[in-house]
C-alpha atoms as a PDB file:
ATOM      1  CA  UNK A   1      19.343  -0.613  -6.465  1.00  0.00           C
ATOM      2  CA  UNK A   2      20.705   1.924  -4.024  1.00  0.00           C
ATOM      3  CA  UNK A   3      19.141   5.704  -3.085  1.00  0.00           C
ATOM      4  CA  UNK A   4      21.801   7.670  -4.998  1.00  0.00           C
ATOM      5  CA  UNK A   5      21.517   5.448  -8.248  1.00  0.00           C
ATOM      6  CA  UNK A   6      18.897   4.575 -10.931  1.00  0.00           C
ATOM      7  CA  UNK A   7      16.290   6.668 -12.609  1.00  0.00           C
ATOM      8  CA  UNK A   8      12.912   6.886 -12.537  1.00  0.00           C
ATOM      9  CA  UNK A   9      12.075   3.685 -14.205  1.00  0.00           C
ATOM     10  CA  UNK A  10      14.323   1.367 -11.773  1.00  0.00           C
ATOM     11  CA  UNK A  11      12.270   3.225  -8.909  1.00  0.00           C
ATOM     12  CA  UNK A  12       8.355   2.776 -10.468  1.00  0.00           C
ATOM     13  CA  UNK A  13       9.516  -1.004 -11.659  1.00  0.00           C
ATOM     14  CA  UNK A  14      10.447  -2.262  -7.932  1.00  0.00           C
ATOM     15  CA  UNK A  15       7.434   0.124  -6.892  1.00  0.00           C
ATOM     16  CA  UNK A  16       5.252  -1.947  -9.043  1.00  0.00           C
ATOM     17  CA  UNK A  17       6.649  -5.344  -7.318  1.00  0.00           C
ATOM     18  CA  UNK A  18       6.367  -4.269  -3.983  1.00  0.00           C
ATOM     19  CA  UNK A  19       2.569  -3.128  -4.323  1.00  0.00           C
ATOM     20  CA  UNK A  20       2.553  -6.393  -5.982  1.00  0.00           C
ATOM     21  CA  UNK A  21       3.986  -8.299  -2.927  1.00  0.00           C
ATOM     22  CA  UNK A  22       2.167  -6.195  -0.540  1.00  0.00           C
ATOM     23  CA  UNK A  23      -1.054  -6.899  -2.262  1.00  0.00           C
ATOM     24  CA  UNK A  24      -0.786 -10.527  -1.936  1.00  0.00           C
ATOM     25  CA  UNK A  25       0.428 -10.658   1.567  1.00  0.00           C
ATOM     26  CA  UNK A  26      -2.801  -8.574   2.498  1.00  0.00           C
ATOM     27  CA  UNK A  27      -4.992 -11.103   0.154  1.00  0.00           C
ATOM     28  CA  UNK A  28      -3.482 -13.836   1.758  1.00  0.00           C
ATOM     29  CA  UNK A  29      -4.371 -12.935   5.167  1.00  0.00           C
ATOM     30  CA  UNK A  30      -7.960 -11.585   4.083  1.00  0.00           C
ATOM     31  CA  UNK A  31      -8.693 -15.017   2.755  1.00  0.00           C
ATOM     32  CA  UNK A  32      -7.112 -16.804   5.943  1.00  0.00           C
ATOM     33  CA  UNK A  33      -9.450 -14.481   8.205  1.00  0.00           C
ATOM     34  CA  UNK A  34     -12.025 -15.226   5.876  1.00  0.00           C
ATOM     35  CA  UNK A  35     -11.866 -18.745   6.692  1.00  0.00           C
ATOM     36  CA  UNK A  36     -11.922 -18.422  10.236  1.00  0.00           C
ATOM     37  CA  UNK A  37     -14.683 -15.544  10.945  1.00  0.00           C
ATOM     38  CA  UNK A  38     -16.699 -16.763   7.107  1.00  0.00           C
ATOM     39  CA  UNK A  39     -16.747 -12.918   7.004  1.00  0.00           C
ATOM     40  CA  UNK A  40     -17.771 -12.873   2.895  1.00  0.00           C
ATOM     41  CA  UNK A  41     -15.970 -11.373  -0.106  1.00  0.00           C
ATOM     42  CA  UNK A  42     -16.231  -7.677  -0.040  1.00  0.00           C
ATOM     43  CA  UNK A  43     -17.278  -6.665  -4.062  1.00  0.00           C
ATOM     44  CA  UNK A  44     -17.156  -3.144  -2.654  1.00  0.00           C
ATOM     45  CA  UNK A  45     -14.015  -2.373  -5.279  1.00  0.00           C
ATOM     46  CA  UNK A  46     -15.636  -3.752  -8.438  1.00  0.00           C
ATOM     47  CA  UNK A  47     -18.269  -1.393  -7.916  1.00  0.00           C
ATOM     48  CA  UNK A  48     -16.177   0.989  -7.241  1.00  0.00           C
ATOM     49  CA  UNK A  49     -14.100   0.548 -10.625  1.00  0.00           C
ATOM     50  CA  UNK A  50     -17.429  -0.088 -12.237  1.00  0.00           C
ATOM     51  CA  UNK A  51     -19.138   3.371 -11.007  1.00  0.00           C
ATOM     52  CA  UNK A  52     -15.754   5.236 -11.956  1.00  0.00           C
ATOM     53  CA  UNK A  53     -15.771   3.707 -15.765  1.00  0.00           C
ATOM     54  CA  UNK A  54     -19.603   4.389 -15.827  1.00  0.00           C
ATOM     55  CA  UNK A  55     -20.850   0.488 -16.731  1.00  0.00           C
ATOM     56  CA  UNK A  56     -24.077  -0.263 -15.179  1.00  0.00           C
ATOM     57  CA  UNK A  57     -24.351  -1.840 -12.179  1.00  0.00           C
ATOM     58  CA  UNK A  58     -24.614  -5.415 -11.793  1.00  0.00           C
ATOM     59  CA  UNK A  59     -24.847  -8.718  -9.678  1.00  0.00           C
ATOM     60  CA  UNK A  60     -21.579  -9.489  -7.582  1.00  0.00           C
ATOM     61  CA  UNK A  61     -21.375 -12.210  -9.377  1.00  0.00           C
ATOM     62  CA  UNK A  62     -20.554 -10.350 -12.487  1.00  0.00           C
ATOM     63  CA  UNK A  63     -18.332  -8.368 -11.324  1.00  0.00           C
ATOM     64  CA  UNK A  64     -14.980 -10.249 -10.046  1.00  0.00           C
ATOM     65  CA  UNK A  65     -12.677  -9.469 -12.574  1.00  0.00           C
ATOM     66  CA  UNK A  66     -13.169  -5.797 -11.950  1.00  0.00           C
ATOM     67  CA  UNK A  67     -13.108  -6.424  -8.320  1.00  0.00           C
ATOM     68  CA  UNK A  68     -10.066  -7.952  -8.703  1.00  0.00           C
ATOM     69  CA  UNK A  69      -8.780  -5.161 -11.416  1.00  0.00           C
ATOM     70  CA  UNK A  70      -9.564  -2.639  -8.812  1.00  0.00           C
ATOM     71  CA  UNK A  71      -8.034  -4.691  -6.038  1.00  0.00           C
ATOM     72  CA  UNK A  72      -4.912  -5.634  -7.946  1.00  0.00           C
ATOM     73  CA  UNK A  73      -4.869  -2.565  -9.424  1.00  0.00           C
ATOM     74  CA  UNK A  74      -4.870  -0.388  -6.448  1.00  0.00           C
ATOM     75  CA  UNK A  75      -2.434  -1.545  -4.423  1.00  0.00           C
ATOM     76  CA  UNK A  76       0.270  -2.335  -7.199  1.00  0.00           C
ATOM     77  CA  UNK A  77       0.240   0.975  -8.572  1.00  0.00           C
ATOM     78  CA  UNK A  78      -0.151   2.602  -5.232  1.00  0.00           C
ATOM     79  CA  UNK A  79       3.572   0.806  -4.484  1.00  0.00           C
ATOM     80  CA  UNK A  80       5.356   3.127  -6.545  1.00  0.00           C
ATOM     81  CA  UNK A  81       4.580   6.189  -4.082  1.00  0.00           C
ATOM     82  CA  UNK A  82       6.265   3.937  -1.273  1.00  0.00           C
ATOM     83  CA  UNK A  83       9.068   3.388  -3.571  1.00  0.00           C
ATOM     84  CA  UNK A  84       9.463   7.483  -4.196  1.00  0.00           C
ATOM     85  CA  UNK A  85       8.927   7.221   0.306  1.00  0.00           C
ATOM     86  CA  UNK A  86      11.937   4.715   0.075  1.00  0.00           C
ATOM     87  CA  UNK A  87      14.175   6.856  -2.125  1.00  0.00           C
ATOM     88  CA  UNK A  88      13.309   9.862  -0.033  1.00  0.00           C
ATOM     89  CA  UNK A  89      14.447   8.567   2.970  1.00  0.00           C
ATOM     90  CA  UNK A  90      10.831   8.085   4.100  1.00  0.00           C
ATOM     91  CA  UNK A  91      11.228   3.950   5.105  1.00  0.00           C
ATOM     92  CA  UNK A  92      11.102   1.789   7.306  1.00  0.00           C
ATOM     93  CA  UNK A  93       8.057   0.885   9.617  1.00  0.00           C
ATOM     94  CA  UNK A  94       7.404   4.962  10.190  1.00  0.00           C
ATOM     95  CA  UNK A  95       7.125   5.363   6.347  1.00  0.00           C
ATOM     96  CA  UNK A  96       4.843   1.662   6.489  1.00  0.00           C
ATOM     97  CA  UNK A  97       2.508   3.606   8.942  1.00  0.00           C
ATOM     98  CA  UNK A  98       2.532   6.731   7.120  1.00  0.00           C
ATOM     99  CA  UNK A  99       1.949   5.211   3.524  1.00  0.00           C
ATOM    100  CA  UNK A 100      -0.782   2.429   5.953  1.00  0.00           C
ATOM    101  CA  UNK A 101      -2.458   6.363   6.039  1.00  0.00           C
ATOM    102  CA  UNK A 102      -2.272   6.780   2.286  1.00  0.00           C
ATOM    103  CA  UNK A 103      -3.577   3.485   1.285  1.00  0.00           C
ATOM    104  CA  UNK A 104      -7.056   4.236   3.385  1.00  0.00           C
ATOM    105  CA  UNK A 105      -7.347   7.747   1.948  1.00  0.00           C
ATOM    106  CA  UNK A 106      -7.021   6.081  -0.952  1.00  0.00           C
ATOM    107  CA  UNK A 107      -9.694   3.495  -0.797  1.00  0.00           C
ATOM    108  CA  UNK A 108     -12.436   6.147   0.648  1.00  0.00           C
ATOM    109  CA  UNK A 109     -11.851   8.403  -1.357  1.00  0.00           C
ATOM    110  CA  UNK A 110     -12.450   6.882  -4.847  1.00  0.00           C
ATOM    111  CA  UNK A 111     -15.364   4.858  -3.007  1.00  0.00           C
ATOM    112  CA  UNK A 112     -17.055   7.728  -1.007  1.00  0.00           C
ATOM    113  CA  UNK A 113     -16.650   9.531  -4.350  1.00  0.00           C
ATOM    114  CA  UNK A 114     -18.618   7.409  -6.643  1.00  0.00           C
ATOM    115  CA  UNK A 115     -21.431   6.852  -3.756  1.00  0.00           C
ATOM    116  CA  UNK A 116     -20.155   2.722  -2.997  1.00  0.00           C
ATOM    117  CA  UNK A 117     -19.007   2.744   0.195  1.00  0.00           C
ATOM    118  CA  UNK A 118     -19.790   5.084   3.376  1.00  0.00           C
ATOM    119  CA  UNK A 119     -17.542   6.997   5.835  1.00  0.00           C
ATOM    120  CA  UNK A 120     -15.328   4.182   7.744  1.00  0.00           C
ATOM    121  CA  UNK A 121     -17.271   5.773  11.386  1.00  0.00           C
ATOM    122  CA  UNK A 122     -20.075   4.353  10.000  1.00  0.00           C
ATOM    123  CA  UNK A 123     -19.193   0.516  10.028  1.00  0.00           C
ATOM    124  CA  UNK A 124     -19.172  -1.856  12.752  1.00  0.00           C
ATOM    125  CA  UNK A 125     -16.094  -1.817  14.749  1.00  0.00           C
ATOM    126  CA  UNK A 126     -15.311  -5.407  13.826  1.00  0.00           C
ATOM    127  CA  UNK A 127     -15.713  -3.977   9.751  1.00  0.00           C
ATOM    128  CA  UNK A 128     -13.015  -1.001  10.766  1.00  0.00           C
ATOM    129  CA  UNK A 129     -10.845  -3.343  12.891  1.00  0.00           C
ATOM    130  CA  UNK A 130     -10.619  -5.846   9.823  1.00  0.00           C
ATOM    131  CA  UNK A 131     -10.209  -2.996   6.974  1.00  0.00           C
ATOM    132  CA  UNK A 132      -7.298  -1.688   9.098  1.00  0.00           C
ATOM    133  CA  UNK A 133      -5.413  -4.566   9.569  1.00  0.00           C
ATOM    134  CA  UNK A 134      -5.177  -6.002   6.072  1.00  0.00           C
ATOM    135  CA  UNK A 135      -4.512  -2.244   5.437  1.00  0.00           C
ATOM    136  CA  UNK A 136      -1.615  -2.382   7.913  1.00  0.00           C
ATOM    137  CA  UNK A 137      -0.575  -5.932   5.928  1.00  0.00           C
ATOM    138  CA  UNK A 138      -0.592  -4.352   2.935  1.00  0.00           C
ATOM    139  CA  UNK A 139       1.171  -1.023   3.702  1.00  0.00           C
ATOM    140  CA  UNK A 140       4.092  -2.870   5.807  1.00  0.00           C
ATOM    141  CA  UNK A 141       4.966  -5.451   3.339  1.00  0.00           C
ATOM    142  CA  UNK A 142       4.709  -3.033   0.579  1.00  0.00           C
ATOM    143  CA  UNK A 143       7.372  -1.205   2.621  1.00  0.00           C
ATOM    144  CA  UNK A 144       9.929  -3.677   3.231  1.00  0.00           C
ATOM    145  CA  UNK A 145       9.448  -4.967  -0.351  1.00  0.00           C
ATOM    146  CA  UNK A 146      10.519  -1.344  -1.266  1.00  0.00           C
ATOM    147  CA  UNK A 147      12.578  -0.206   0.975  1.00  0.00           C
ATOM    148  CA  UNK A 148      14.275  -3.472  -0.018  1.00  0.00           C
ATOM    149  CA  UNK A 149      14.529  -3.218  -3.595  1.00  0.00           C
ATOM    150  CA  UNK A 150      14.849   0.493  -3.492  1.00  0.00           C
ATOM    151  CA  UNK A 151      18.030   0.999  -1.120  1.00  0.00           C
ATOM    152  CA  UNK A 152      19.122  -2.374  -0.621  1.00  0.00           C
ATOM    153  CA  UNK A 153      18.921  -3.194   2.695  1.00  0.00           C
ATOM    154  CA  UNK A 154      15.912  -3.729   5.086  1.00  0.00           C
ATOM    155  CA  UNK A 155      13.650  -1.762   6.813  1.00  0.00           C
ATOM    156  CA  UNK A 156      15.186  -0.231   9.764  1.00  0.00           C
ATOM    157  CA  UNK A 157      12.766  -1.801  12.893  1.00  0.00           C
ATOM    158  CA  UNK A 158      12.941  -5.433  11.110  1.00  0.00           C
ATOM    159  CA  UNK A 159      14.818  -6.855  13.265  1.00  0.00           C
ATOM    160  CA  UNK A 160      17.014  -8.023  10.242  1.00  0.00           C
ATOM    161  CA  UNK A 161      20.617  -6.271   9.902  1.00  0.00           C
ATOM    162  CA  UNK A 162      19.935  -2.424  10.037  1.00  0.00           C
ATOM    163  CA  UNK A 163      23.137  -0.896   8.422  1.00  0.00           C
ATOM    164  CA  UNK A 164      24.401   2.490   9.623  1.00  0.00           C
ATOM    165  CA  UNK A 165      22.685   4.293   6.535  1.00  0.00           C
ATOM    166  CA  UNK A 166      19.391   3.791   8.918  1.00  0.00           C
ATOM    167  CA  UNK A 167      20.239   5.719  11.752  1.00  0.00           C
ATOM    168  CA  UNK A 168      17.684   9.161  12.321  1.00  0.00           C
ATOM    169  CA  UNK A 169      21.419  11.487  12.181  1.00  0.00           C
ATOM    170  CA  UNK A 170      22.006   9.710   8.575  1.00  0.00           C
ATOM    171  CA  UNK A 171      18.648  10.768   7.537  1.00  0.00           C
ATOM    172  CA  UNK A 172      18.620  14.144   8.530  1.00  0.00           C
ATOM    173  CA  UNK A 173      22.440  14.889   7.334  1.00  0.00           C
ATOM    174  CA  UNK A 174      21.047  13.506   3.877  1.00  0.00           C
ATOM    175  CA  UNK A 175      18.257  15.350   4.155  1.00  0.00           C
ATOM    176  CA  UNK A 176      19.612  18.995   4.991  1.00  0.00           C
ATOM    177  CA  UNK A 177      22.508  18.256   1.816  1.00  0.00           C
ATOM    178  CA  UNK A 178      19.662  17.903   0.037  1.00  0.00           C
ATOM    179  CA  UNK A 179      18.320  21.402   0.744  1.00  0.00           C
ATOM    180  CA  UNK A 180      21.731  22.701   0.315  1.00  0.00           C
ATOM    181  CA  UNK A 181      21.880  20.862  -3.248  1.00  0.00           C
ATOM    182  CA  UNK A 182      18.493  22.736  -3.925  1.00  0.00           C
END
């Protein structure tokens, strides 16, 4: 899909697909990491959703469905934001880095507002690193898929064929043209 064509529905669908691809990549990475480190599953997403829905607290083993709903749901829905970013010319590694921060902010806001989580600076350093790495996998995978689906080309900086449309001057010219048109 060209970034200058298509309505909201194709853009949102591209975002949902990109978000699903990002969550799948993150989940695969998490499972591989857990196999190596022995780290157990986190049920923070499930307990966060439990609290958001006003449901009574239950043991982890009874919250697998809520856990997956929150884990997958957040990532899939946030993919729509990354698609909008791609449509607006904020793509590639820079766009994915910005998107990583949005994903972290989303998680921490919900977890801490519900009282389920703790501020990340209070976590052990190894948990901070693991969380950042997994969320980075999510953000960059989501970004690569969103860039491809929305613009029809690979993210810049990926080493794949980078068409002229991704040059910085082209983005600056497009932004200037959009400002003039507004």
